[in-house]
Every structure is written in C-alpha cells, then in structure tokens.
Amino acid sequence: MSPTTGPVRSRLPILALSLGIALLTLIPYAVAASRAGDSRFTGFLFNPYDAATYLAKMRQGEEGQFLYTLAFTEDPGPGAAIVSYYLLLGHLARLLNAPLIAVWHAARVLGAAFFLAVAWEFFGRIGLSRRGRAIAWIVAAFGSGFGFAAVAFGTYTADLWVAEYIPWMGMLTSAHFPLATGLTMLLAMRIALPARKPSAASVAACGLLGFLLGAIQPFAFVPLAFALVLWMLWIRIARDAVPEGAIAGWLAAGFGLLPWAAYYLWVVRTLPAFASWFAQNRTPSPPAWDIALSLGLPGILAAVSFIRWIAARPPDAGKLRGASSETLLAALWFAVNLALLFAPLPLQRRLMLGMWIPLAALAAPQLEAWLFRPAPSLLRALAAGIPLLLTGSVFLLILLFAGIGRNARLFLDGDEAAAADWLAVHAAGDVVLAPPDLSLWLPGMAGARVVYGHPMETPFADRAREDVEAFFHPASSQTQLQILADRRVDWVICSEENTACTALEGTVLEEIFSSGSIRVMSVRLK
C-alpha cells in the first residue's frame, strides 16, 4: 500500500457511510411525492419561505443570470452577486437539462455527505479517543437538544426549527447549511488542527476555503475566527510560542472571505431593493431559556466538564499550560458562539451555524466515560441516547406528517399548478398579482415576478401585502385600478371563490387561461 493511497482507502468506509446516510434523507421526500395525488408537491417539507427563495434563485440561474435580482417584487432594481451558490445550481440544472428540484436535492445530499465525512475527520483531530471520536460524530450527525420536552407544552425550541444550528435538520432541509458547516470545520483543521509551520500550500488552502465560505455563508466563520484569535493568544502566552502557521492561515482565510463581506455590505447599503431586504431580514436569537433547552444533554455535559476542569486545578495562571490545545479550541469556539448570540447584531441567529460541532466535541469525553466505564451498559446507552436522539426523531416525524397530510403550504392543488405551468410558458418575467400563498411559489416555478411573495425579500413587504389584500377585498374598483397601475401588473390570478375580479372583467381584466376554479386574467390598462 502506497502512502498516497493508504489514507484514501482508510477513509472509504466513512465516505460510504456518509453518502448512505445522506441518501436516506430522501425518504420523507419520496413519501411526500407518493402522496401528492392530484396536487403538486413543491419538493420541500420545511420552511416554505426559505424553500421558495432557493427555487427562485435557482430559476434565475437556469435562465442564465449570474446576478440575483429580487424575485418577489415588481421593481427589483439592479442585480447583485449574492446567493451565488443557488444561482450556480440553476446553471447546473440548465446544463444537465434537469428539474431544479432534482438538482437541489442532489446538492443537499452531497452537502450532507460532505458534512458527515468532514466531521469524522474533524473529530479525529480534536484530541478525542477512538470511541470519543465515534460518539462525537453521532452526536453531531443526529443529536439535538431537549426540544421534544418543549413540544409537550405546545412550543418549539431552536433545535426544532433553526436548521443552521442542528446539523440533522440542516441535512434534511438545506443544501448550503451542511456545506458551509463542513467548510468551517475544514478551516479549523487547516488553521489549527494541528498547528504547523506555514507553507504556501496550507496558506493557499485557507484562502480558498475562506473565499468559498464567503460565497456560501460568510457568517459561519465569525465565531470560529474570534475563537481562533483567543486560541492563538493562549498559545503565545501559555505555551510561549508563536503559532505562525495558524496566524498565516487565519489571515489567508480572512483575506479570502473579506471581498465577499465588503461586497455584501456595499450591496445592502447602496442598492435600494436589497437595502429593504436587509432591513426586514432580522433574525434575532431565541430567548435564553430556549437556547438552554436547545443545548440539551451535550450542553449539560459540557458544563459539567468545565466545572470539573476548574475544580481540579488550583486558581493560578499555570492551570492553562497543561490544557489540551485542541480541547481549548473547541471550548473557545463554543463559548464565543454562545456569547455572540446575545451581541447587539441584527443577524444573531445566523451565527448559530456550526455551534453544535464544538459542543459535540466537548460532550463526547463525558459520554464516553458514562457509556464505557467500567464496562459498556445498554441501560446507560438508552439513558444517553433517548434525550440525544428524540428531538431529531420528532423533527423527522414532522416532515413525514407534512408530506403524508399534504400540508397546504408545501403542496399546490392541481389548478394552481396548471396556472403556474401556463405562466412559465407565457408570462415568464411578467408581474403577477396573486394570493400570497400562491405568489410565494410563482418566481421559482414560473419565473414570474409578483407584487408580494415573501416577508423579507419583497421590499416594503407590509405595504405590498396590504395592496394584494386590498385588491382581492376591495373598497372600490377604483382602488383595484390604482393598485394595478402602481404595481405595473401584467396578470392577475383569481379564483371562482373570490369575486374581486368580476367588476373589472371585460374591461380591465380578460380571462386568458383557466383550470378548474383558477383563472389567469390579462391586465388591459389604457
């Protein structure tokens, strides 16, 4: 066995296992598709608002665009090179002549497999035993907090709805969260695990990883970046050494990511449509009690480990000198991440991406001691496994029930789907006024623009939604005419149950297409 093929062959089992687990995440989607009947399954089972934006961005890529223009408004303004990952997936769909949703799921599966494979490598370098490595990997891949307990009281904690926080949720519902988390772990390994002398190859790798992460999810590097600064200071002070390789890698990653961060800042400050999007895109952290429950058993074990570490050492500066640099990096990463959740930032929740990884690394030694010392115990395994895995199982059931029950927010009825298909052929790029639940899917399914479709990506969303509601529940036909003119509407989708279009039919509105109860009306303003 050659030295080059040996490491590759040794990784084949974990690569195969990672891909196998990732493929299994297709099961709830297959169940939902089999239950569609006369309706159309959108291809998503969670958070329709995010799902619809992924599809809309991919649609623009499929149409050949490299700059994203806000799809959920009639007046998007100039485009910008943001969310490039989904635009590129759309280009890939066009090259492969493949359905957008098929490409999204392929990207999601590959992203999940990538995350799992990188996580195995990461936990192998974080100073864990062989058993501890396996435990940390299982916790990272499938673990969650105490959200199952919150469900019993009619509420949902972060570990049941913040997909960037819990990797299991991210693998099931997102194409870019697992990918970004994997890239973040790769950066941690290249920079500090293990610390090494700088080389051109390692510095270039850090720069490339930083650039890729910046294009996909720049927030992911923020907690790790601050943690690495503290870690390098500890190396310098406690070990009396200069971590030259880590410093060089950190700077290279920052330089790779900085152009994206600067460009995004420029976009949201100078382009009005994106400025409105950013102003509405507030993602505050859950309350402290919610976060505490969402940390679950790993959070308790990490806290116990810290308390024991403090109690076992005298309170002097020398207690840090004997600490494992790998364990300290994990502790700093988690502590910084937790602190940033309470920083006065508009996008606090986005910083939860990757937070579960160092928590799994910190909890693994305590779990190993509980499970295997003095001997393995099935009872102890159940006592640890149930609270670790139950919330993830609840989330999987939520997805399955959404598919089996044909959740109205994730399925279009046959008539709505027929209208979307007609618009895709005859009205791509035009402005459509439709009820909000249908408008959400039209940019991705039909390539149309809508008056209102998304609470964040529709500029001045409240006002746009009010106009849509005023059109379908008008005070007068004059109100309707004003909305059609102000919003430059080309098409209106009406249903037989809603008579709002009746007063304008034959003069301003002309029926061009119908399917069942759904009517597509052309706007003929003078």
Protein backbone atom coordinates (compact mmCIF):
# COMPACT_ATOMS: atom_id res chain seq x y z
CA MET A 1 0.00 0.00 0.00
CA SER A 2 1.48 3.32 -1.05
CA PRO A 3 1.47 6.27 1.32
CA THR A 4 -0.81 8.17 -1.05
CA THR A 5 -3.47 5.51 -1.43
CA GLY A 6 -3.43 4.30 2.18
CA PRO A 7 -5.19 7.31 3.77
CA VAL A 8 -7.75 7.36 0.94
CA ARG A 9 -8.56 3.68 1.39
CA SER A 10 -8.83 4.07 5.14
CA ARG A 11 -11.45 6.76 4.62
CA LEU A 12 -13.59 4.80 2.17
CA PRO A 13 -15.84 3.24 4.84
CA ILE A 14 -16.72 6.62 6.39
CA LEU A 15 -17.22 8.13 2.94
CA ALA A 16 -19.60 5.32 2.01
CA LEU A 17 -21.43 5.58 5.34
CA SER A 18 -21.73 9.36 4.97
CA LEU A 19 -23.19 9.06 1.49
CA GLY A 20 -25.54 6.29 2.61
CA ILE A 21 -26.92 8.38 5.48
CA ALA A 22 -27.27 11.39 3.19
CA LEU A 23 -29.23 9.32 0.67
CA LEU A 24 -31.58 8.13 3.42
CA THR A 25 -32.64 11.74 3.99
CA LEU A 26 -34.53 11.44 0.70
CA ILE A 27 -37.08 9.08 2.29
CA PRO A 28 -39.50 11.71 3.70
CA TYR A 29 -39.47 13.49 0.33
CA ALA A 30 -40.21 10.26 -1.51
CA VAL A 31 -43.11 9.62 0.88
CA ALA A 32 -44.47 13.12 0.25
CA ALA A 33 -44.17 12.75 -3.52
CA SER A 34 -46.05 9.45 -3.39
CA ARG A 35 -48.89 11.17 -1.53
CA ALA A 36 -49.29 14.10 -3.92
CA GLY A 37 -52.20 12.65 -5.86
CA ASP A 38 -53.86 15.39 -7.97
CA SER A 39 -51.85 18.11 -6.20
CA ARG A 40 -48.24 19.08 -6.86
CA PHE A 41 -45.56 18.52 -4.26
CA THR A 42 -43.22 21.51 -4.24
CA GLY A 43 -40.28 19.27 -3.34
CA PHE A 44 -39.78 20.86 0.09
CA LEU A 45 -41.01 19.82 3.53
CA PHE A 46 -39.87 22.62 5.81
CA ASN A 47 -39.94 26.42 5.97
CA PRO A 48 -41.67 27.28 2.67
CA TYR A 49 -40.35 30.84 2.76
CA ASP A 50 -36.71 29.76 2.59
CA ALA A 51 -37.56 26.93 0.22
CA ALA A 52 -39.29 29.24 -2.26
CA THR A 53 -36.32 31.61 -2.31
CA TYR A 54 -33.93 28.74 -3.06
CA LEU A 55 -36.10 27.77 -6.01
CA ALA A 56 -36.43 31.36 -7.25
CA LYS A 57 -32.68 31.88 -7.18
CA MET A 58 -32.05 28.63 -8.98
CA ARG A 59 -34.64 29.63 -11.58
CA GLN A 60 -32.71 32.81 -12.33
CA GLY A 61 -29.51 30.80 -12.67
CA GLU A 62 -31.31 28.42 -15.03
CA GLU A 63 -32.29 31.44 -17.11
CA GLY A 64 -28.61 32.33 -17.45
CA GLN A 65 -28.29 35.05 -14.81
CA PHE A 66 -25.18 35.45 -12.68
CA LEU A 67 -26.56 38.39 -10.69
CA TYR A 68 -29.56 37.86 -8.46
CA THR A 69 -32.44 40.32 -8.75
CA LEU A 70 -35.05 40.14 -6.01
CA ALA A 71 -37.74 37.87 -7.43
CA PHE A 72 -40.60 38.66 -5.07
CA THR A 73 -41.29 42.21 -6.24
CA GLU A 74 -42.31 44.04 -9.39
CA ASP A 75 -39.46 46.54 -9.02
CA PRO A 76 -36.25 44.65 -8.16
CA GLY A 77 -33.71 47.19 -9.34
CA PRO A 78 -30.23 46.05 -10.41
CA GLY A 79 -28.97 42.60 -9.56
CA ALA A 80 -26.10 41.65 -7.27
CA ALA A 81 -23.63 38.78 -7.00
CA ILE A 82 -25.14 37.33 -3.84
CA VAL A 83 -26.57 33.85 -3.11
CA SER A 84 -24.26 32.74 -5.91
CA TYR A 85 -24.40 29.12 -4.81
CA TYR A 86 -28.06 28.77 -5.76
CA LEU A 87 -27.57 30.69 -9.00
CA LEU A 88 -24.81 28.23 -9.91
CA LEU A 89 -27.09 25.30 -9.09
CA GLY A 90 -29.57 26.79 -11.54
CA HIS A 91 -26.88 26.99 -14.21
CA LEU A 92 -26.05 23.35 -13.48
CA ALA A 93 -29.71 22.40 -13.92
CA ARG A 94 -29.73 24.10 -17.33
CA LEU A 95 -26.55 22.32 -18.43
CA LEU A 96 -27.89 18.95 -17.28
CA ASN A 97 -31.40 19.67 -18.54
CA ALA A 98 -32.59 18.54 -15.12
CA PRO A 99 -35.50 19.77 -12.95
CA LEU A 100 -34.50 22.44 -10.47
CA ILE A 101 -35.84 20.47 -7.51
CA ALA A 102 -33.84 17.39 -8.55
CA VAL A 103 -30.64 19.43 -8.65
CA TRP A 104 -31.46 20.97 -5.27
CA HIS A 105 -31.90 17.56 -3.67
CA ALA A 106 -28.73 16.26 -5.30
CA ALA A 107 -26.83 19.25 -3.88
CA ARG A 108 -28.46 18.71 -0.49
CA VAL A 109 -27.48 15.03 -0.40
CA LEU A 110 -23.90 15.74 -1.48
CA GLY A 111 -23.66 18.60 1.03
CA ALA A 112 -24.85 16.30 3.81
CA ALA A 113 -22.36 13.59 2.81
CA PHE A 114 -19.58 16.19 2.70
CA PHE A 115 -20.50 17.45 6.16
CA LEU A 116 -20.53 13.95 7.67
CA ALA A 117 -17.18 12.99 6.12
CA VAL A 118 -15.51 16.23 7.23
CA ALA A 119 -17.00 15.93 10.72
CA TRP A 120 -15.40 12.50 11.10
CA GLU A 121 -12.02 13.95 10.14
CA PHE A 122 -12.51 16.95 12.42
CA PHE A 123 -13.32 14.84 15.48
CA GLY A 124 -10.26 12.74 14.74
CA ARG A 125 -8.08 15.83 15.16
CA ILE A 126 -9.74 17.39 18.18
CA GLY A 127 -7.95 15.23 20.75
CA LEU A 128 -10.62 12.56 21.30
CA SER A 129 -10.11 8.84 21.77
CA ARG A 130 -11.31 6.45 19.07
CA ARG A 131 -14.54 5.85 20.95
CA GLY A 132 -14.90 9.52 21.73
CA ARG A 133 -14.50 10.34 18.06
CA ALA A 134 -17.33 7.99 17.11
CA ILE A 135 -19.55 9.37 19.88
CA ALA A 136 -18.89 12.98 18.87
CA TRP A 137 -19.70 12.11 15.24
CA ILE A 138 -23.02 10.51 16.21
CA VAL A 139 -23.91 13.49 18.39
CA ALA A 140 -23.03 15.90 15.58
CA ALA A 141 -24.89 13.94 12.92
CA PHE A 142 -28.08 13.01 14.76
CA GLY A 143 -28.14 14.76 18.12
CA SER A 144 -30.42 17.58 19.28
CA GLY A 145 -31.42 19.28 22.48
CA PHE A 146 -34.46 18.96 24.71
CA GLY A 147 -36.91 20.26 22.13
CA PHE A 148 -39.03 17.14 22.49
CA ALA A 149 -39.92 18.26 26.00
CA ALA A 150 -40.97 21.71 24.79
CA VAL A 151 -43.33 20.13 22.24
CA ALA A 152 -45.31 18.62 25.10
CA PHE A 153 -46.05 22.19 26.25
CA GLY A 154 -47.09 23.36 22.79
CA THR A 155 -43.96 25.25 21.85
CA TYR A 156 -40.90 24.73 19.63
CA THR A 157 -37.37 25.45 20.74
CA ALA A 158 -34.47 26.29 18.41
CA ASP A 159 -33.43 22.67 17.98
CA LEU A 160 -36.73 22.05 16.18
CA TRP A 161 -36.74 24.96 13.75
CA VAL A 162 -33.30 26.63 13.41
CA ALA A 163 -31.87 24.44 10.66
CA GLU A 164 -28.46 26.14 10.65
CA TYR A 165 -28.00 25.14 14.30
CA ILE A 166 -28.76 21.41 14.31
CA PRO A 167 -26.86 19.53 11.57
CA TRP A 168 -29.52 16.80 11.37
CA MET A 169 -32.12 19.45 10.49
CA GLY A 170 -29.75 21.12 8.06
CA MET A 171 -29.03 17.86 6.24
CA LEU A 172 -32.75 17.17 5.88
CA THR A 173 -33.80 20.62 4.71
CA SER A 174 -30.92 22.66 3.30
CA ALA A 175 -28.35 22.39 0.55
CA HIS A 176 -25.98 25.05 1.88
CA PHE A 177 -26.03 24.77 5.69
CA PRO A 178 -24.23 21.38 5.80
CA LEU A 179 -21.81 22.54 3.11
CA ALA A 180 -20.97 25.74 4.99
CA THR A 181 -20.53 23.85 8.28
CA GLY A 182 -18.19 21.39 6.59
CA LEU A 183 -16.12 24.23 5.12
CA THR A 184 -15.92 25.85 8.56
CA MET A 185 -14.56 22.63 10.08
CA LEU A 186 -12.06 22.35 7.23
CA LEU A 187 -10.86 25.86 8.01
CA ALA A 188 -10.43 24.98 11.68
CA MET A 189 -8.37 21.94 10.69
CA ARG A 190 -6.22 23.81 8.18
CA ILE A 191 -5.53 26.67 10.60
CA ALA A 192 -5.06 24.95 13.94
CA LEU A 193 -5.58 21.17 13.92
CA PRO A 194 -2.74 20.55 14.17
CA ALA A 195 -0.80 23.79 14.45
CA ARG A 196 2.01 23.73 11.91
CA LYS A 197 4.60 25.89 10.26
CA PRO A 198 3.15 27.98 7.43
CA SER A 199 3.55 26.70 3.89
CA ALA A 200 2.42 28.09 0.58
CA ALA A 201 0.01 25.19 0.11
CA SER A 202 -1.62 25.50 3.54
CA VAL A 203 -1.97 29.27 3.27
CA ALA A 204 -3.47 28.98 -0.22
CA ALA A 205 -5.89 26.31 1.02
CA CYS A 206 -7.07 28.58 3.83
CA GLY A 207 -7.54 31.45 1.40
CA LEU A 208 -9.57 29.27 -0.96
CA LEU A 209 -11.72 27.87 1.85
CA GLY A 210 -12.36 31.39 3.14
CA PHE A 211 -13.37 32.52 -0.35
CA LEU A 212 -15.77 29.60 -0.79
CA LEU A 213 -17.29 30.08 2.64
CA GLY A 214 -17.72 33.79 1.93
CA ALA A 215 -19.65 32.99 -1.23
CA ILE A 216 -21.93 30.50 0.54
CA GLN A 217 -22.39 31.65 4.15
CA PRO A 218 -19.88 34.24 5.44
CA PHE A 219 -21.46 34.36 8.92
CA ALA A 220 -20.21 30.84 9.60
CA PHE A 221 -16.59 31.91 10.03
CA VAL A 222 -17.26 34.74 12.51
CA PRO A 223 -17.44 32.71 15.77
CA LEU A 224 -14.55 30.48 14.75
CA ALA A 225 -12.46 33.50 13.74
CA PHE A 226 -12.84 35.13 17.17
CA ALA A 227 -12.20 31.81 18.90
CA LEU A 228 -9.01 31.31 16.89
CA VAL A 229 -7.73 34.74 17.94
CA LEU A 230 -8.18 33.80 21.61
CA TRP A 231 -6.64 30.39 20.97
CA MET A 232 -3.56 31.92 19.30
CA LEU A 233 -3.16 34.33 22.20
CA TRP A 234 -3.23 31.36 24.58
CA ILE A 235 -0.56 29.58 22.50
CA ARG A 236 1.61 32.68 22.67
CA ILE A 237 1.17 33.33 26.40
CA ALA A 238 0.70 29.90 27.97
CA ARG A 239 2.99 27.94 25.65
CA ASP A 240 5.44 30.79 24.97
CA ALA A 241 5.27 30.02 21.26
CA VAL A 242 4.24 31.91 18.16
CA PRO A 243 1.64 29.94 16.13
CA GLU A 244 2.98 31.13 12.81
CA GLY A 245 1.01 28.65 10.72
CA ALA A 246 -2.25 29.47 12.47
CA ILE A 247 -1.69 33.20 12.10
CA ALA A 248 -0.90 32.84 8.40
CA GLY A 249 -3.91 30.55 7.84
CA TRP A 250 -6.23 32.87 9.75
CA LEU A 251 -5.12 35.88 7.72
CA ALA A 252 -5.43 33.97 4.46
CA ALA A 253 -8.96 32.84 5.32
CA GLY A 254 -9.87 36.39 6.25
CA PHE A 255 -8.49 37.79 3.00
CA GLY A 256 -10.41 35.13 1.08
CA LEU A 257 -13.65 35.98 2.82
CA LEU A 258 -13.22 39.76 3.10
CA PRO A 259 -14.10 40.65 -0.53
CA TRP A 260 -17.46 38.94 -0.17
CA ALA A 261 -18.21 40.58 3.17
CA ALA A 262 -17.27 44.03 1.82
CA TYR A 263 -19.33 43.47 -1.31
CA TYR A 264 -22.40 42.32 0.63
CA LEU A 265 -22.12 45.40 2.84
CA TRP A 266 -21.92 47.61 -0.24
CA VAL A 267 -24.97 45.93 -1.79
CA VAL A 268 -27.25 46.37 1.23
CA ARG A 269 -26.13 49.96 1.70
CA THR A 270 -26.37 51.21 -1.90
CA LEU A 271 -29.00 49.15 -3.78
CA PRO A 272 -32.46 50.18 -2.52
CA ALA A 273 -34.23 46.85 -3.05
CA PHE A 274 -31.50 44.93 -1.22
CA ALA A 275 -31.38 47.59 1.49
CA SER A 276 -35.07 46.99 2.14
CA TRP A 277 -34.47 43.24 2.16
CA PHE A 278 -31.68 43.63 4.72
CA ALA A 279 -33.79 45.95 6.87
CA GLN A 280 -36.51 43.29 7.02
CA ASN A 281 -34.12 40.37 7.39
CA ARG A 282 -33.93 40.38 11.16
CA THR A 283 -33.09 37.02 12.73
CA PRO A 284 -32.80 37.56 16.50
CA SER A 285 -31.64 34.76 18.75
CA PRO A 286 -34.20 32.75 20.67
CA PRO A 287 -34.59 33.69 24.35
CA ALA A 288 -32.04 32.38 26.82
CA TRP A 289 -34.34 29.66 28.20
CA ASP A 290 -34.92 28.42 24.67
CA ILE A 291 -31.18 28.25 23.97
CA ALA A 292 -30.59 26.44 27.26
CA LEU A 293 -33.14 23.77 26.37
CA SER A 294 -31.77 23.53 22.84
CA LEU A 295 -28.28 22.75 24.14
CA GLY A 296 -29.76 19.61 25.67
CA LEU A 297 -27.65 16.83 27.13
CA PRO A 298 -24.44 17.94 25.33
CA GLY A 299 -24.80 21.35 26.96
CA ILE A 300 -25.14 19.80 30.41
CA LEU A 301 -22.13 17.53 29.84
CA ALA A 302 -20.00 20.41 28.53
CA ALA A 303 -20.88 22.45 31.61
CA VAL A 304 -20.03 19.52 33.91
CA SER A 305 -16.73 19.06 32.11
CA PHE A 306 -15.86 22.73 32.56
CA ILE A 307 -16.78 22.72 36.25
CA ARG A 308 -14.66 19.63 36.86
CA TRP A 309 -11.75 21.16 34.98
CA ILE A 310 -11.93 24.30 37.12
CA ALA A 311 -12.30 22.35 40.38
CA ALA A 312 -9.39 20.02 39.61
CA ARG A 313 -6.85 22.81 39.15
CA PRO A 314 -5.56 25.48 41.52
CA PRO A 315 -6.56 29.03 40.63
CA ASP A 316 -3.30 30.17 39.10
CA ALA A 317 -2.07 31.01 35.62
CA GLY A 318 -0.29 27.69 35.33
CA LYS A 319 -3.53 25.76 35.06
CA LEU A 320 -3.83 26.72 31.41
CA ARG A 321 -0.42 25.42 30.47
CA GLY A 322 -1.40 21.80 30.74
CA ALA A 323 -4.66 22.18 28.82
CA SER A 324 -5.08 20.40 25.50
CA SER A 325 -4.89 22.95 22.71
CA GLU A 326 -7.49 21.01 20.71
CA THR A 327 -9.95 20.84 23.60
CA LEU A 328 -9.38 24.50 24.37
CA LEU A 329 -10.11 25.46 20.76
CA ALA A 330 -13.44 23.59 20.93
CA ALA A 331 -14.29 25.26 24.25
CA LEU A 332 -13.42 28.71 22.93
CA TRP A 333 -15.37 28.14 19.71
CA PHE A 334 -18.48 27.15 21.63
CA ALA A 335 -18.12 29.93 24.24
CA VAL A 336 -17.61 32.64 21.62
CA ASN A 337 -20.52 31.32 19.59
CA LEU A 338 -22.78 31.35 22.63
CA ALA A 339 -21.73 34.88 23.57
CA LEU A 340 -22.35 36.21 20.06
CA LEU A 341 -25.96 35.03 20.23
CA PHE A 342 -26.54 37.87 22.69
CA ALA A 343 -24.49 40.51 20.86
CA PRO A 344 -26.42 43.54 19.53
CA LEU A 345 -26.46 42.27 15.94
CA PRO A 346 -29.39 42.04 13.50
CA LEU A 347 -28.49 38.52 12.37
CA GLN A 348 -27.77 36.78 15.68
CA ARG A 349 -29.47 33.52 14.76
CA ARG A 350 -27.35 33.13 11.62
CA LEU A 351 -24.33 32.82 13.92
CA MET A 352 -25.71 29.54 15.28
CA LEU A 353 -24.38 27.79 12.19
CA GLY A 354 -21.71 25.33 13.31
CA MET A 355 -22.31 25.86 17.02
CA TRP A 356 -23.33 22.23 17.56
CA ILE A 357 -19.92 20.95 16.36
CA PRO A 358 -17.69 22.13 19.25
CA LEU A 359 -20.49 21.24 21.65
CA ALA A 360 -20.42 17.65 20.39
CA ALA A 361 -16.63 17.57 20.81
CA LEU A 362 -16.87 18.83 24.40
CA ALA A 363 -19.63 16.40 25.37
CA ALA A 364 -18.03 13.30 23.84
CA PRO A 365 -15.48 12.53 26.63
CA GLN A 366 -18.19 12.70 29.29
CA LEU A 367 -20.46 10.47 27.23
CA GLU A 368 -17.62 8.02 26.66
CA ALA A 369 -16.96 7.81 30.39
CA TRP A 370 -20.65 7.29 31.08
CA LEU A 371 -21.12 4.60 28.43
CA PHE A 372 -17.94 2.54 28.70
CA ARG A 373 -16.52 2.81 32.20
CA PRO A 374 -16.08 0.40 33.78
CA ALA A 375 -17.90 -1.59 31.07
CA PRO A 376 -20.46 -0.93 28.31
CA SER A 377 -24.04 -0.75 29.53
CA LEU A 378 -27.21 -0.92 27.46
CA LEU A 379 -29.18 0.88 30.15
CA ARG A 380 -26.73 3.77 30.19
CA ALA A 381 -26.74 3.84 26.40
CA LEU A 382 -30.53 4.23 26.40
CA ALA A 383 -30.37 6.87 29.13
CA ALA A 384 -27.98 8.91 26.98
CA GLY A 385 -29.35 8.05 23.55
CA ILE A 386 -33.01 8.85 24.13
CA PRO A 387 -32.57 12.53 25.12
CA LEU A 388 -29.90 12.94 22.42
CA LEU A 389 -31.87 11.47 19.54
CA LEU A 390 -35.52 12.00 20.44
CA THR A 391 -35.83 15.58 19.19
CA GLY A 392 -34.28 14.67 15.86
CA SER A 393 -36.80 11.84 15.59
CA VAL A 394 -39.62 14.26 16.36
CA PHE A 395 -38.38 16.55 13.60
CA LEU A 396 -38.29 13.66 11.14
CA LEU A 397 -41.87 12.80 12.07
CA ILE A 398 -42.87 16.43 11.49
CA LEU A 399 -41.51 16.19 7.95
CA LEU A 400 -43.22 12.87 7.33
CA PHE A 401 -46.58 14.13 8.59
CA ALA A 402 -46.23 17.27 6.45
CA GLY A 403 -45.87 15.04 3.41
CA ILE A 404 -48.48 12.44 4.32
CA GLY A 405 -51.00 15.15 5.23
CA ARG A 406 -50.19 17.20 2.10
CA ASN A 407 -49.51 20.39 4.02
CA ALA A 408 -51.22 23.18 2.10
CA ARG A 409 -48.16 25.42 2.32
CA LEU A 410 -45.97 22.78 0.67
CA PHE A 411 -48.36 21.43 -1.96
CA LEU A 412 -50.18 23.25 -4.76
CA ASP A 413 -53.55 21.96 -5.84
CA GLY A 414 -53.81 20.79 -9.44
CA ASP A 415 -55.43 24.01 -10.69
CA GLU A 416 -52.79 26.23 -9.09
CA ALA A 417 -50.05 24.03 -10.56
CA ALA A 418 -51.66 24.28 -14.02
CA ALA A 419 -51.75 28.08 -13.74
CA ALA A 420 -48.08 28.15 -12.72
CA ASP A 421 -47.17 25.95 -15.69
CA TRP A 422 -49.08 28.22 -18.07
CA LEU A 423 -47.38 31.32 -16.68
CA ALA A 424 -43.97 29.65 -17.05
CA VAL A 425 -44.58 29.38 -20.81
CA HIS A 426 -46.46 32.62 -21.49
CA ALA A 427 -45.57 35.10 -18.77
CA ALA A 428 -42.01 34.49 -17.53
CA GLY A 429 -40.61 37.79 -16.30
CA ASP A 430 -44.04 39.45 -16.14
CA VAL A 431 -45.61 40.84 -12.96
CA VAL A 432 -48.36 38.69 -11.43
CA LEU A 433 -50.77 39.66 -8.70
CA ALA A 434 -51.96 36.55 -6.90
CA PRO A 435 -52.92 35.47 -3.38
CA PRO A 436 -49.84 35.38 -1.09
CA ASP A 437 -49.65 31.59 -0.65
CA LEU A 438 -49.52 31.08 -4.43
CA SER A 439 -47.32 34.14 -5.06
CA LEU A 440 -44.65 32.58 -2.87
CA TRP A 441 -44.01 29.83 -5.44
CA LEU A 442 -44.50 31.67 -8.75
CA PRO A 443 -40.97 33.17 -9.05
CA GLY A 444 -39.39 29.72 -8.71
CA MET A 445 -41.97 27.71 -10.63
CA ALA A 446 -42.93 30.17 -13.36
CA GLY A 447 -40.10 32.71 -13.47
CA ALA A 448 -42.69 35.44 -12.89
CA ARG A 449 -42.39 38.44 -10.62
CA VAL A 450 -45.04 39.02 -8.01
CA VAL A 451 -46.42 42.03 -6.16
CA TYR A 452 -45.99 40.27 -2.83
CA GLY A 453 -44.48 36.89 -2.12
CA HIS A 454 -42.04 36.94 0.76
CA PRO A 455 -41.95 38.77 4.12
CA MET A 456 -38.24 39.57 3.75
CA GLU A 457 -37.42 39.51 0.04
CA THR A 458 -40.36 41.66 -1.01
CA PRO A 459 -39.18 45.25 -0.42
CA PHE A 460 -41.53 47.10 1.92
CA ALA A 461 -43.33 43.80 2.36
CA ASP A 462 -46.10 45.02 4.66
CA ARG A 463 -47.20 47.65 2.17
CA ALA A 464 -47.07 45.19 -0.74
CA ARG A 465 -49.14 42.63 1.16
CA GLU A 466 -51.69 45.30 2.05
CA ASP A 467 -52.04 46.13 -1.67
CA VAL A 468 -52.62 42.47 -2.54
CA GLU A 469 -55.23 42.10 0.18
CA ALA A 470 -56.88 45.38 -0.84
CA PHE A 471 -57.16 44.16 -4.43
CA PHE A 472 -58.85 40.90 -3.51
CA HIS A 473 -61.05 42.55 -0.85
CA PRO A 474 -61.53 45.98 -2.41
CA ALA A 475 -63.30 49.01 -1.04
CA SER A 476 -63.96 50.02 -4.66
CA SER A 477 -62.95 49.15 -8.21
CA GLN A 478 -61.00 52.42 -8.27
CA THR A 479 -58.75 51.01 -5.54
CA GLN A 480 -58.12 47.95 -7.68
CA LEU A 481 -57.28 50.05 -10.74
CA GLN A 482 -54.83 52.13 -8.75
CA ILE A 483 -53.05 49.03 -7.45
CA LEU A 484 -52.80 47.51 -10.92
CA ALA A 485 -51.33 50.73 -12.30
CA ASP A 486 -48.94 51.47 -9.42
CA ARG A 487 -47.62 47.90 -9.35
CA ARG A 488 -47.43 47.61 -13.17
CA VAL A 489 -49.33 44.31 -13.04
CA ASP A 490 -49.49 42.18 -16.21
CA TRP A 491 -51.53 39.25 -14.91
CA VAL A 492 -53.97 38.58 -12.10
CA ILE A 493 -54.79 35.13 -10.74
CA CYS A 494 -58.32 34.88 -9.43
CA SER A 495 -60.37 32.04 -8.07
CA GLU A 496 -64.08 31.48 -8.51
CA GLU A 497 -64.50 31.79 -4.76
CA ASN A 498 -63.09 35.33 -4.86
CA THR A 499 -65.27 37.73 -6.83
CA ALA A 500 -62.81 40.63 -6.73
CA CYS A 501 -62.08 40.33 -10.44
CA THR A 502 -65.75 40.35 -11.50
CA ALA A 503 -66.18 44.12 -11.52
CA LEU A 504 -63.16 44.58 -13.80
CA GLU A 505 -63.74 41.62 -16.11
CA GLY A 506 -64.46 42.57 -19.71
CA THR A 507 -62.89 46.00 -19.36
CA VAL A 508 -59.59 45.90 -17.49
CA LEU A 509 -59.28 42.14 -17.00
CA GLU A 510 -59.63 39.46 -19.65
CA GLU A 511 -59.57 35.76 -18.92
CA ILE A 512 -56.80 34.06 -20.93
CA PHE A 513 -56.46 30.73 -19.16
CA SER A 514 -58.44 28.76 -16.62
CA SER A 515 -58.15 25.47 -14.84
CA GLY A 516 -60.95 24.41 -12.55
CA SER A 517 -61.55 27.26 -10.14
CA ILE A 518 -58.36 29.15 -11.03
CA ARG A 519 -58.44 31.89 -13.69
CA VAL A 520 -55.49 33.75 -15.18
CA MET A 521 -56.56 37.26 -16.21
CA SER A 522 -54.63 39.57 -18.51
CA VAL A 523 -54.50 43.23 -17.43
CA ARG A 524 -55.54 45.71 -20.14
CA LEU A 525 -54.94 49.15 -18.70
CA LYS A 526 -55.23 52.14 -21.05
